Amino acid sequence: MKSIFDHPAVKRVSAWAIMKDGAYAGRIIVAYPKDGAGIVRAHVAIFDLKGEVMQGSAGGCGYDKTSSAIHDAFYRGKFADLPDFDGRGVGAVETFLQSLGYQMFSAV
């Protein structure tokens, strides 16, 4: 039997668990297009932060679309005092979440 990680759909998804004080506090899921050149979509749910799911997207090329889509989700969620990590890489997203007391762990 093939590993689930060999499935084409799984290869187009990244996921992170968000923790705070040792407890599960939310998730970030990013879906990538089949061709790599289309729109990247992000789903952000941090339960004690906004209490709602925030969704964003990023298209184009020449920058990190993953962090841009995640930034767009926070922006559309009207997150106050959002720093500019748009297109700066997942490490910049992690730094932002750490500044709020969260930890970010890759799940897929």
PDB file of N, CA and C in Angstrom:
ATOM      1  N   MET A   1       0.847  -1.185   0.000  1.00  0.00           N
ATOM      2  CA  MET A   1       0.000   0.000   0.000  1.00  0.00           C
ATOM      3  C   MET A   1       0.891   1.246   0.000  1.00  0.00           C
ATOM      4  N   LYS A   2       0.516   2.215  -0.802  1.00  0.00           N
ATOM      5  CA  LYS A   2       1.262   3.472  -0.864  1.00  0.00           C
ATOM      6  C   LYS A   2       1.052   4.293   0.392  1.00  0.00           C
ATOM      7  N   SER A   3       2.041   5.082   0.688  1.00  0.00           N
ATOM      8  CA  SER A   3       1.917   6.021   1.803  1.00  0.00           C
ATOM      9  C   SER A   3       0.944   7.133   1.413  1.00  0.00           C
ATOM     10  N   ILE A   4       0.204   7.630   2.359  1.00  0.00           N
ATOM     11  CA  ILE A   4      -0.707   8.750   2.104  1.00  0.00           C
ATOM     12  C   ILE A   4       0.060   9.960   1.588  1.00  0.00           C
ATOM     13  N   PHE A   5       1.324  10.084   1.968  1.00  0.00           N
ATOM     14  CA  PHE A   5       2.125  11.225   1.541  1.00  0.00           C
ATOM     15  C   PHE A   5       2.522  11.146   0.070  1.00  0.00           C
ATOM     16  N   ASP A   6       2.282   9.989  -0.574  1.00  0.00           N
ATOM     17  CA  ASP A   6       2.530   9.835  -2.004  1.00  0.00           C
ATOM     18  C   ASP A   6       1.311  10.213  -2.841  1.00  0.00           C
ATOM     19  N   HIS A   7       0.189  10.451  -2.189  1.00  0.00           N
ATOM     20  CA  HIS A   7      -1.036  10.808  -2.902  1.00  0.00           C
ATOM     21  C   HIS A   7      -0.896  12.217  -3.486  1.00  0.00           C
ATOM     22  N   PRO A   8      -1.258  12.423  -4.753  1.00  0.00           N
ATOM     23  CA  PRO A   8      -1.087  13.731  -5.386  1.00  0.00           C
ATOM     24  C   PRO A   8      -1.746  14.886  -4.638  1.00  0.00           C
ATOM     25  N   ALA A   9      -2.926  14.667  -4.075  1.00  0.00           N
ATOM     26  CA  ALA A   9      -3.607  15.749  -3.362  1.00  0.00           C
ATOM     27  C   ALA A   9      -2.850  16.155  -2.099  1.00  0.00           C
ATOM     28  N   VAL A  10      -2.267  15.192  -1.398  1.00  0.00           N
ATOM     29  CA  VAL A  10      -1.521  15.491  -0.176  1.00  0.00           C
ATOM     30  C   VAL A  10      -0.248  16.265  -0.507  1.00  0.00           C
ATOM     31  N   LYS A  11       0.335  15.988  -1.657  1.00  0.00           N
ATOM     32  CA  LYS A  11       1.544  16.698  -2.065  1.00  0.00           C
ATOM     33  C   LYS A  11       1.271  18.178  -2.322  1.00  0.00           C
ATOM     34  N   ARG A  12       0.002  18.550  -2.468  1.00  0.00           N
ATOM     35  CA  ARG A  12      -0.363  19.938  -2.737  1.00  0.00           C
ATOM     36  C   ARG A  12      -0.917  20.647  -1.510  1.00  0.00           C
ATOM     37  N   VAL A  13      -0.645  20.108  -0.318  1.00  0.00           N
ATOM     38  CA  VAL A  13      -1.155  20.702   0.919  1.00  0.00           C
ATOM     39  C   VAL A  13      -0.033  20.806   1.942  1.00  0.00           C
ATOM     40  N   SER A  14      -0.020  21.917   2.660  1.00  0.00           N
ATOM     41  CA  SER A  14       0.837  22.064   3.842  1.00  0.00           C
ATOM     42  C   SER A  14      -0.065  22.380   5.019  1.00  0.00           C
ATOM     43  N   ALA A  15       0.308  21.896   6.192  1.00  0.00           N
ATOM     44  CA  ALA A  15      -0.506  22.151   7.381  1.00  0.00           C
ATOM     45  C   ALA A  15       0.395  22.357   8.590  1.00  0.00           C
ATOM     46  N   TRP A  16      -0.016  23.262   9.461  1.00  0.00           N
ATOM     47  CA  TRP A  16       0.700  23.542  10.694  1.00  0.00           C
ATOM     48  C   TRP A  16      -0.287  23.525  11.851  1.00  0.00           C
ATOM     49  N   ALA A  17       0.131  22.940  12.949  1.00  0.00           N
ATOM     50  CA  ALA A  17      -0.635  23.004  14.193  1.00  0.00           C
ATOM     51  C   ALA A  17      -0.139  24.218  14.970  1.00  0.00           C
ATOM     52  N   ILE A  18      -1.063  24.955  15.535  1.00  0.00           N
ATOM     53  CA  ILE A  18      -0.734  26.131  16.337  1.00  0.00           C
ATOM     54  C   ILE A  18      -0.994  25.777  17.801  1.00  0.00           C
ATOM     55  N   MET A  19       0.023  25.987  18.625  1.00  0.00           N
ATOM     56  CA  MET A  19      -0.061  25.651  20.051  1.00  0.00           C
ATOM     57  C   MET A  19       0.155  26.908  20.886  1.00  0.00           C
ATOM     58  N   LYS A  20      -0.451  26.917  22.066  1.00  0.00           N
ATOM     59  CA  LYS A  20      -0.217  27.986  23.032  1.00  0.00           C
ATOM     60  C   LYS A  20      -0.257  27.373  24.425  1.00  0.00           C
ATOM     61  N   ASP A  21       0.786  27.616  25.181  1.00  0.00           N
ATOM     62  CA  ASP A  21       0.895  27.069  26.542  1.00  0.00           C
ATOM     63  C   ASP A  21       0.703  25.555  26.569  1.00  0.00           C
ATOM     64  N   GLY A  22       1.234  24.873  25.556  1.00  0.00           N
ATOM     65  CA  GLY A  22       1.169  23.421  25.501  1.00  0.00           C
ATOM     66  C   GLY A  22      -0.145  22.845  25.022  1.00  0.00           C
ATOM     67  N   ALA A  23      -1.108  23.697  24.654  1.00  0.00           N
ATOM     68  CA  ALA A  23      -2.417  23.220  24.207  1.00  0.00           C
ATOM     69  C   ALA A  23      -2.646  23.580  22.741  1.00  0.00           C
ATOM     70  N   TYR A  24      -3.397  22.734  22.062  1.00  0.00           N
ATOM     71  CA  TYR A  24      -3.752  22.991  20.674  1.00  0.00           C
ATOM     72  C   TYR A  24      -4.599  24.254  20.601  1.00  0.00           C
ATOM     73  N   ALA A  25      -4.177  25.204  19.769  1.00  0.00           N
ATOM     74  CA  ALA A  25      -4.866  26.494  19.702  1.00  0.00           C
ATOM     75  C   ALA A  25      -5.375  26.832  18.306  1.00  0.00           C
ATOM     76  N   GLY A  26      -5.048  26.017  17.309  1.00  0.00           N
ATOM     77  CA  GLY A  26      -5.532  26.313  15.967  1.00  0.00           C
ATOM     78  C   GLY A  26      -4.739  25.603  14.900  1.00  0.00           C
ATOM     79  N   ARG A  27      -4.979  26.034  13.648  1.00  0.00           N
ATOM     80  CA  ARG A  27      -4.320  25.390  12.523  1.00  0.00           C
ATOM     81  C   ARG A  27      -4.199  26.370  11.361  1.00  0.00           C
ATOM     82  N   ILE A  28      -3.221  26.094  10.531  1.00  0.00           N
ATOM     83  CA  ILE A  28      -3.081  26.782   9.255  1.00  0.00           C
ATOM     84  C   ILE A  28      -2.960  25.696   8.199  1.00  0.00           C
ATOM     85  N   ILE A  29      -3.804  25.771   7.181  1.00  0.00           N
ATOM     86  CA  ILE A  29      -3.765  24.817   6.084  1.00  0.00           C
ATOM     87  C   ILE A  29      -3.611  25.613   4.793  1.00  0.00           C
ATOM     88  N   VAL A  30      -2.663  25.207   3.971  1.00  0.00           N
ATOM     89  CA  VAL A  30      -2.417  25.879   2.697  1.00  0.00           C
ATOM     90  C   VAL A  30      -2.546  24.857   1.578  1.00  0.00           C
ATOM     91  N   ALA A  31      -3.325  25.206   0.553  1.00  0.00           N
ATOM     92  CA  ALA A  31      -3.515  24.346  -0.617  1.00  0.00           C
ATOM     93  C   ALA A  31      -2.840  24.985  -1.822  1.00  0.00           C
ATOM     94  N   TYR A  32      -2.089  24.165  -2.553  1.00  0.00           N
ATOM     95  CA  TYR A  32      -1.340  24.630  -3.712  1.00  0.00           C
ATOM     96  C   TYR A  32      -1.999  24.126  -4.992  1.00  0.00           C
ATOM     97  N   PRO A  33      -1.895  24.885  -6.074  1.00  0.00           N
ATOM     98  CA  PRO A  33      -2.484  24.456  -7.347  1.00  0.00           C
ATOM     99  C   PRO A  33      -1.693  23.304  -7.970  1.00  0.00           C
ATOM    100  N   LYS A  34      -2.331  22.563  -8.854  1.00  0.00           N
ATOM    101  CA  LYS A  34      -1.672  21.439  -9.525  1.00  0.00           C
ATOM    102  C   LYS A  34      -0.449  21.877 -10.318  1.00  0.00           C
ATOM    103  N   ASP A  35      -0.557  23.004 -11.003  1.00  0.00           N
ATOM    104  CA  ASP A  35       0.517  23.416 -11.900  1.00  0.00           C
ATOM    105  C   ASP A  35       1.606  24.247 -11.227  1.00  0.00           C
ATOM    106  N   GLY A  36       1.406  24.646  -9.997  1.00  0.00           N
ATOM    107  CA  GLY A  36       2.411  25.429  -9.287  1.00  0.00           C
ATOM    108  C   GLY A  36       2.381  26.906  -9.618  1.00  0.00           C
ATOM    109  N   ALA A  37       1.658  27.289 -10.662  1.00  0.00           N
ATOM    110  CA  ALA A  37       1.634  28.696 -11.071  1.00  0.00           C
ATOM    111  C   ALA A  37       0.314  29.380 -10.745  1.00  0.00           C
ATOM    112  N   GLY A  38      -0.634  28.642 -10.228  1.00  0.00           N
ATOM    113  CA  GLY A  38      -1.954  29.204  -9.950  1.00  0.00           C
ATOM    114  C   GLY A  38      -2.034  29.854  -8.589  1.00  0.00           C
ATOM    115  N   ILE A  39      -3.233  29.889  -8.058  1.00  0.00           N
ATOM    116  CA  ILE A  39      -3.510  30.577  -6.792  1.00  0.00           C
ATOM    117  C   ILE A  39      -3.297  29.635  -5.611  1.00  0.00           C
ATOM    118  N   VAL A  40      -2.582  30.125  -4.610  1.00  0.00           N
ATOM    119  CA  VAL A  40      -2.379  29.421  -3.346  1.00  0.00           C
ATOM    120  C   VAL A  40      -3.459  29.909  -2.383  1.00  0.00           C
ATOM    121  N   ARG A  41      -4.097  28.996  -1.682  1.00  0.00           N
ATOM    122  CA  ARG A  41      -5.177  29.360  -0.755  1.00  0.00           C
ATOM    123  C   ARG A  41      -4.804  28.961   0.663  1.00  0.00           C
ATOM    124  N   ALA A  42      -5.133  29.833   1.614  1.00  0.00           N
ATOM    125  CA  ALA A  42      -4.813  29.574   3.024  1.00  0.00           C
ATOM    126  C   ALA A  42      -6.076  29.606   3.872  1.00  0.00           C
ATOM    127  N   HIS A  43      -6.109  28.721   4.846  1.00  0.00           N
ATOM    128  CA  HIS A  43      -7.185  28.622   5.831  1.00  0.00           C
ATOM    129  C   HIS A  43      -6.497  28.768   7.192  1.00  0.00           C
ATOM    130  N   VAL A  44      -6.870  29.787   7.951  1.00  0.00           N
ATOM    131  CA  VAL A  44      -6.247  30.050   9.248  1.00  0.00           C
ATOM    132  C   VAL A  44      -7.343  30.047  10.311  1.00  0.00           C
ATOM    133  N   ALA A  45      -7.171  29.213  11.321  1.00  0.00           N
ATOM    134  CA  ALA A  45      -8.112  29.169  12.442  1.00  0.00           C
ATOM    135  C   ALA A  45      -7.299  29.132  13.739  1.00  0.00           C
ATOM    136  N   ILE A  46      -7.293  30.235  14.450  1.00  0.00           N
ATOM    137  CA  ILE A  46      -6.642  30.306  15.758  1.00  0.00           C
ATOM    138  C   ILE A  46      -7.749  30.677  16.738  1.00  0.00           C
ATOM    139  N   PHE A  47      -8.152  29.708  17.520  1.00  0.00           N
ATOM    140  CA  PHE A  47      -9.408  29.764  18.243  1.00  0.00           C
ATOM    141  C   PHE A  47      -9.554  30.927  19.217  1.00  0.00           C
ATOM    142  N   ASP A  48      -8.515  31.250  19.977  1.00  0.00           N
ATOM    143  CA  ASP A  48      -8.663  32.331  20.954  1.00  0.00           C
ATOM    144  C   ASP A  48      -8.264  33.692  20.383  1.00  0.00           C
ATOM    145  N   LEU A  49      -7.873  33.712  19.125  1.00  0.00           N
ATOM    146  CA  LEU A  49      -7.415  34.955  18.520  1.00  0.00           C
ATOM    147  C   LEU A  49      -8.557  35.701  17.844  1.00  0.00           C
ATOM    148  N   LYS A  50      -9.255  35.046  16.955  1.00  0.00           N
ATOM    149  CA  LYS A  50     -10.354  35.686  16.240  1.00  0.00           C
ATOM    150  C   LYS A  50     -11.680  34.962  16.453  1.00  0.00           C
ATOM    151  N   GLY A  51     -11.624  33.691  16.797  1.00  0.00           N
ATOM    152  CA  GLY A  51     -12.843  32.926  16.971  1.00  0.00           C
ATOM    153  C   GLY A  51     -13.542  32.588  15.666  1.00  0.00           C
ATOM    154  N   GLU A  52     -12.857  32.789  14.553  1.00  0.00           N
ATOM    155  CA  GLU A  52     -13.444  32.489  13.260  1.00  0.00           C
ATOM    156  C   GLU A  52     -12.350  32.002  12.318  1.00  0.00           C
ATOM    157  N   VAL A  53     -12.777  31.382  11.245  1.00  0.00           N
ATOM    158  CA  VAL A  53     -11.828  30.944  10.228  1.00  0.00           C
ATOM    159  C   VAL A  53     -11.532  32.128   9.321  1.00  0.00           C
ATOM    160  N   MET A  54     -10.249  32.348   9.070  1.00  0.00           N
ATOM    161  CA  MET A  54      -9.831  33.408   8.160  1.00  0.00           C
ATOM    162  C   MET A  54      -9.285  32.739   6.908  1.00  0.00           C
ATOM    163  N   GLN A  55      -9.660  33.250   5.735  1.00  0.00           N
ATOM    164  CA  GLN A  55      -9.211  32.648   4.487  1.00  0.00           C
ATOM    165  C   GLN A  55      -8.560  33.697   3.611  1.00  0.00           C
ATOM    166  N   GLY A  56      -7.488  33.294   2.932  1.00  0.00           N
ATOM    167  CA  GLY A  56      -6.780  34.202   2.049  1.00  0.00           C
ATOM    168  C   GLY A  56      -6.230  33.468   0.848  1.00  0.00           C
ATOM    169  N   SER A  57      -5.694  34.238  -0.084  1.00  0.00           N
ATOM    170  CA  SER A  57      -5.129  33.641  -1.291  1.00  0.00           C
ATOM    171  C   SER A  57      -4.009  34.521  -1.831  1.00  0.00           C
ATOM    172  N   ALA A  58      -3.207  33.935  -2.707  1.00  0.00           N
ATOM    173  CA  ALA A  58      -2.116  34.668  -3.352  1.00  0.00           C
ATOM    174  C   ALA A  58      -1.863  34.060  -4.719  1.00  0.00           C
ATOM    175  N   GLY A  59      -1.638  34.907  -5.695  1.00  0.00           N
ATOM    176  CA  GLY A  59      -1.333  34.458  -7.049  1.00  0.00           C
ATOM    177  C   GLY A  59      -0.097  35.182  -7.559  1.00  0.00           C
ATOM    178  N   GLY A  60       0.219  34.937  -8.789  1.00  0.00           N
ATOM    179  CA  GLY A  60       1.382  35.589  -9.383  1.00  0.00           C
ATOM    180  C   GLY A  60       2.640  34.769  -9.182  1.00  0.00           C
ATOM    181  N   CYS A  61       3.775  35.423  -9.342  1.00  0.00           N
ATOM    182  CA  CYS A  61       5.041  34.721  -9.176  1.00  0.00           C
ATOM    183  C   CYS A  61       6.125  35.696  -8.733  1.00  0.00           C
ATOM    184  N   GLY A  62       7.259  35.155  -8.304  1.00  0.00           N
ATOM    185  CA  GLY A  62       8.389  35.985  -7.917  1.00  0.00           C
ATOM    186  C   GLY A  62       8.465  36.296  -6.440  1.00  0.00           C
ATOM    187  N   TYR A  63       7.660  35.626  -5.621  1.00  0.00           N
ATOM    188  CA  TYR A  63       7.673  35.836  -4.179  1.00  0.00           C
ATOM    189  C   TYR A  63       7.111  34.595  -3.499  1.00  0.00           C
ATOM    190  N   ASP A  64       7.146  34.558  -2.189  1.00  0.00           N
ATOM    191  CA  ASP A  64       6.644  33.410  -1.443  1.00  0.00           C
ATOM    192  C   ASP A  64       5.121  33.510  -1.313  1.00  0.00           C
ATOM    193  N   LYS A  65       4.412  32.707  -2.101  1.00  0.00           N
ATOM    194  CA  LYS A  65       2.947  32.769  -2.103  1.00  0.00           C
ATOM    195  C   LYS A  65       2.337  32.163  -0.836  1.00  0.00           C
ATOM    196  N   THR A  66       3.053  31.252  -0.194  1.00  0.00           N
ATOM    197  CA  THR A  66       2.512  30.646   1.027  1.00  0.00           C
ATOM    198  C   THR A  66       2.321  31.704   2.109  1.00  0.00           C
ATOM    199  N   SER A  67       3.389  32.439   2.423  1.00  0.00           N
ATOM    200  CA  SER A  67       3.267  33.464   3.463  1.00  0.00           C
ATOM    201  C   SER A  67       2.345  34.593   3.013  1.00  0.00           C
ATOM    202  N   SER A  68       2.291  34.853   1.721  1.00  0.00           N
ATOM    203  CA  SER A  68       1.398  35.895   1.218  1.00  0.00           C
ATOM    204  C   SER A  68      -0.069  35.498   1.402  1.00  0.00           C
ATOM    205  N   ALA A  69      -0.398  34.244   1.131  1.00  0.00           N
ATOM    206  CA  ALA A  69      -1.774  33.770   1.316  1.00  0.00           C
ATOM    207  C   ALA A  69      -2.166  33.781   2.791  1.00  0.00           C
ATOM    208  N   ILE A  70      -1.235  33.397   3.660  1.00  0.00           N
ATOM    209  CA  ILE A  70      -1.505  33.424   5.104  1.00  0.00           C
ATOM    210  C   ILE A  70      -1.682  34.871   5.565  1.00  0.00           C
ATOM    211  N   HIS A  71      -0.834  35.774   5.095  1.00  0.00           N
ATOM    212  CA  HIS A  71      -0.964  37.195   5.430  1.00  0.00           C
ATOM    213  C   HIS A  71      -2.320  37.727   4.961  1.00  0.00           C
ATOM    214  N   ASP A  72      -2.723  37.336   3.757  1.00  0.00           N
ATOM    215  CA  ASP A  72      -4.008  37.771   3.216  1.00  0.00           C
ATOM    216  C   ASP A  72      -5.165  37.298   4.094  1.00  0.00           C
ATOM    217  N   ALA A  73      -5.058  36.083   4.634  1.00  0.00           N
ATOM    218  CA  ALA A  73      -6.103  35.576   5.529  1.00  0.00           C
ATOM    219  C   ALA A  73      -6.212  36.445   6.782  1.00  0.00           C
ATOM    220  N   PHE A  74      -5.079  36.779   7.385  1.00  0.00           N
ATOM    221  CA  PHE A  74      -5.113  37.657   8.563  1.00  0.00           C
ATOM    222  C   PHE A  74      -5.646  39.038   8.191  1.00  0.00           C
ATOM    223  N   TYR A  75      -5.237  39.557   7.042  1.00  0.00           N
ATOM    224  CA  TYR A  75      -5.677  40.874   6.584  1.00  0.00           C
ATOM    225  C   TYR A  75      -7.187  40.893   6.362  1.00  0.00           C
ATOM    226  N   ARG A  76      -7.699  39.882   5.679  1.00  0.00           N
ATOM    227  CA  ARG A  76      -9.146  39.802   5.427  1.00  0.00           C
ATOM    228  C   ARG A  76      -9.924  39.593   6.726  1.00  0.00           C
ATOM    229  N   GLY A  77      -9.262  38.976   7.708  1.00  0.00           N
ATOM    230  CA  GLY A  77      -9.884  38.786   9.017  1.00  0.00           C
ATOM    231  C   GLY A  77      -9.834  40.038   9.870  1.00  0.00           C
ATOM    232  N   LYS A  78      -9.348  41.123   9.274  1.00  0.00           N
ATOM    233  CA  LYS A  78      -9.261  42.429   9.936  1.00  0.00           C
ATOM    234  C   LYS A  78      -8.463  42.360  11.236  1.00  0.00           C
ATOM    235  N   PHE A  79      -7.338  41.628  11.160  1.00  0.00           N
ATOM    236  CA  PHE A  79      -6.468  41.490  12.322  1.00  0.00           C
ATOM    237  C   PHE A  79      -5.769  42.818  12.591  1.00  0.00           C
ATOM    238  N   ALA A  80      -5.887  43.322  13.805  1.00  0.00           N
ATOM    239  CA  ALA A  80      -5.294  44.620  14.175  1.00  0.00           C
ATOM    240  C   ALA A  80      -3.775  44.514  14.278  1.00  0.00           C
ATOM    241  N   ASP A  81      -3.084  45.573  13.899  1.00  0.00           N
ATOM    242  CA  ASP A  81      -1.622  45.675  14.022  1.00  0.00           C
ATOM    243  C   ASP A  81      -0.890  44.533  13.333  1.00  0.00           C
ATOM    244  N   LEU A  82      -1.319  44.197  12.145  1.00  0.00           N
ATOM    245  CA  LEU A  82      -0.709  43.111  11.391  1.00  0.00           C
ATOM    246  C   LEU A  82       0.630  43.555  10.809  1.00  0.00           C
ATOM    247  N   PRO A  83       1.723  42.890  11.190  1.00  0.00           N
ATOM    248  CA  PRO A  83       3.026  43.250  10.598  1.00  0.00           C
ATOM    249  C   PRO A  83       3.105  42.764   9.149  1.00  0.00           C
ATOM    250  N   ASP A  84       4.036  43.283   8.420  1.00  0.00           N
ATOM    251  CA  ASP A  84       4.181  42.932   7.015  1.00  0.00           C
ATOM    252  C   ASP A  84       5.075  41.704   6.856  1.00  0.00           C
ATOM    253  N   PHE A  85       4.454  40.514   6.811  1.00  0.00           N
ATOM    254  CA  PHE A  85       5.206  39.295   6.505  1.00  0.00           C
ATOM    255  C   PHE A  85       4.768  38.747   5.147  1.00  0.00           C
ATOM    256  N   ASP A  86       4.018  39.543   4.410  1.00  0.00           N
ATOM    257  CA  ASP A  86       3.504  39.190   3.092  1.00  0.00           C
ATOM    258  C   ASP A  86       4.647  38.852   2.134  1.00  0.00           C
ATOM    259  N   GLY A  87       4.730  37.585   1.704  1.00  0.00           N
ATOM    260  CA  GLY A  87       5.728  37.165   0.743  1.00  0.00           C
ATOM    261  C   GLY A  87       7.120  36.957   1.307  1.00  0.00           C
ATOM    262  N   ARG A  88       7.259  36.965   2.620  1.00  0.00           N
ATOM    263  CA  ARG A  88       8.592  36.883   3.243  1.00  0.00           C
ATOM    264  C   ARG A  88       8.959  35.500   3.754  1.00  0.00           C
ATOM    265  N   GLY A  89       8.139  34.511   3.487  1.00  0.00           N
ATOM    266  CA  GLY A  89       8.453  33.139   3.879  1.00  0.00           C
ATOM    267  C   GLY A  89       7.722  32.704   5.138  1.00  0.00           C
ATOM    268  N   VAL A  90       7.613  31.392   5.292  1.00  0.00           N
ATOM    269  CA  VAL A  90       6.892  30.815   6.430  1.00  0.00           C
ATOM    270  C   VAL A  90       7.588  31.150   7.747  1.00  0.00           C
ATOM    271  N   GLY A  91       8.914  31.328   7.721  1.00  0.00           N
ATOM    272  CA  GLY A  91       9.633  31.728   8.935  1.00  0.00           C
ATOM    273  C   GLY A  91       9.133  33.054   9.477  1.00  0.00           C
ATOM    274  N   ALA A  92       8.752  33.966   8.584  1.00  0.00           N
ATOM    275  CA  ALA A  92       8.214  35.262   9.013  1.00  0.00           C
ATOM    276  C   ALA A  92       6.834  35.087   9.661  1.00  0.00           C
ATOM    277  N   VAL A  93       6.042  34.136   9.148  1.00  0.00           N
ATOM    278  CA  VAL A  93       4.741  33.829   9.759  1.00  0.00           C
ATOM    279  C   VAL A  93       4.964  33.283  11.169  1.00  0.00           C
ATOM    280  N   GLU A  94       5.918  32.369  11.289  1.00  0.00           N
ATOM    281  CA  GLU A  94       6.222  31.772  12.591  1.00  0.00           C
ATOM    282  C   GLU A  94       6.696  32.831  13.584  1.00  0.00           C
ATOM    283  N   THR A  95       7.543  33.742  13.148  1.00  0.00           N
ATOM    284  CA  THR A  95       8.018  34.827  14.018  1.00  0.00           C
ATOM    285  C   THR A  95       6.851  35.679  14.500  1.00  0.00           C
ATOM    286  N   PHE A  96       5.921  35.997  13.592  1.00  0.00           N
ATOM    287  CA  PHE A  96       4.727  36.768  13.960  1.00  0.00           C
ATOM    288  C   PHE A  96       3.915  36.042  15.026  1.00  0.00           C
ATOM    289  N   LEU A  97       3.660  34.745  14.808  1.00  0.00           N
ATOM    290  CA  LEU A  97       2.869  33.990  15.777  1.00  0.00           C
ATOM    291  C   LEU A  97       3.589  33.866  17.119  1.00  0.00           C
ATOM    292  N   GLN A  98       4.906  33.710  17.100  1.00  0.00           N
ATOM    293  CA  GLN A  98       5.673  33.652  18.347  1.00  0.00           C
ATOM    294  C   GLN A  98       5.550  34.959  19.118  1.00  0.00           C
ATOM    295  N   SER A  99       5.461  36.082  18.410  1.00  0.00           N
ATOM    296  CA  SER A  99       5.317  37.375  19.089  1.00  0.00           C
ATOM    297  C   SER A  99       3.996  37.483  19.827  1.00  0.00           C
ATOM    298  N   LEU A 100       3.035  36.611  19.465  1.00  0.00           N
ATOM    299  CA  LEU A 100       1.726  36.581  20.119  1.00  0.00           C
ATOM    300  C   LEU A 100       1.636  35.457  21.155  1.00  0.00           C
ATOM    301  N   GLY A 101       2.740  34.725  21.350  1.00  0.00           N
ATOM    302  CA  GLY A 101       2.754  33.653  22.342  1.00  0.00           C
ATOM    303  C   GLY A 101       2.406  32.278  21.805  1.00  0.00           C
ATOM    304  N   TYR A 102       2.356  32.116  20.495  1.00  0.00           N
ATOM    305  CA  TYR A 102       2.028  30.834  19.880  1.00  0.00           C
ATOM    306  C   TYR A 102       3.270  30.129  19.382  1.00  0.00           C
ATOM    307  N   GLN A 103       3.141  28.824  19.184  1.00  0.00           N
ATOM    308  CA  GLN A 103       4.164  28.029  18.532  1.00  0.00           C
ATOM    309  C   GLN A 103       3.523  27.399  17.307  1.00  0.00           C
ATOM    310  N   MET A 104       4.314  27.249  16.258  1.00  0.00           N
ATOM    311  CA  MET A 104       3.829  26.726  14.983  1.00  0.00           C
ATOM    312  C   MET A 104       4.607  25.467  14.639  1.00  0.00           C
ATOM    313  N   PHE A 105       3.894  24.350  14.461  1.00  0.00           N
ATOM    314  CA  PHE A 105       4.522  23.060  14.158  1.00  0.00           C
ATOM    315  C   PHE A 105       4.008  22.513  12.838  1.00  0.00           C
ATOM    316  N   SER A 106       4.921  22.146  11.967  1.00  0.00           N
ATOM    317  CA  SER A 106       4.528  21.566  10.688  1.00  0.00           C
ATOM    318  C   SER A 106       3.862  20.205  10.923  1.00  0.00           C
ATOM    319  N   ALA A 107       2.703  20.018  10.310  1.00  0.00           N
ATOM    320  CA  ALA A 107       1.971  18.761  10.463  1.00  0.00           C
ATOM    321  C   ALA A 107       2.012  17.933   9.178  1.00  0.00           C
ATOM    322  N   VAL A 108       2.108  18.571   8.039  1.00  0.00           N
ATOM    323  CA  VAL A 108       2.193  17.885   6.748  1.00  0.00           C
ATOM    324  C   VAL A 108       3.171  18.639   5.891  1.00  0.00           C
TER     325      VAL A 108
END
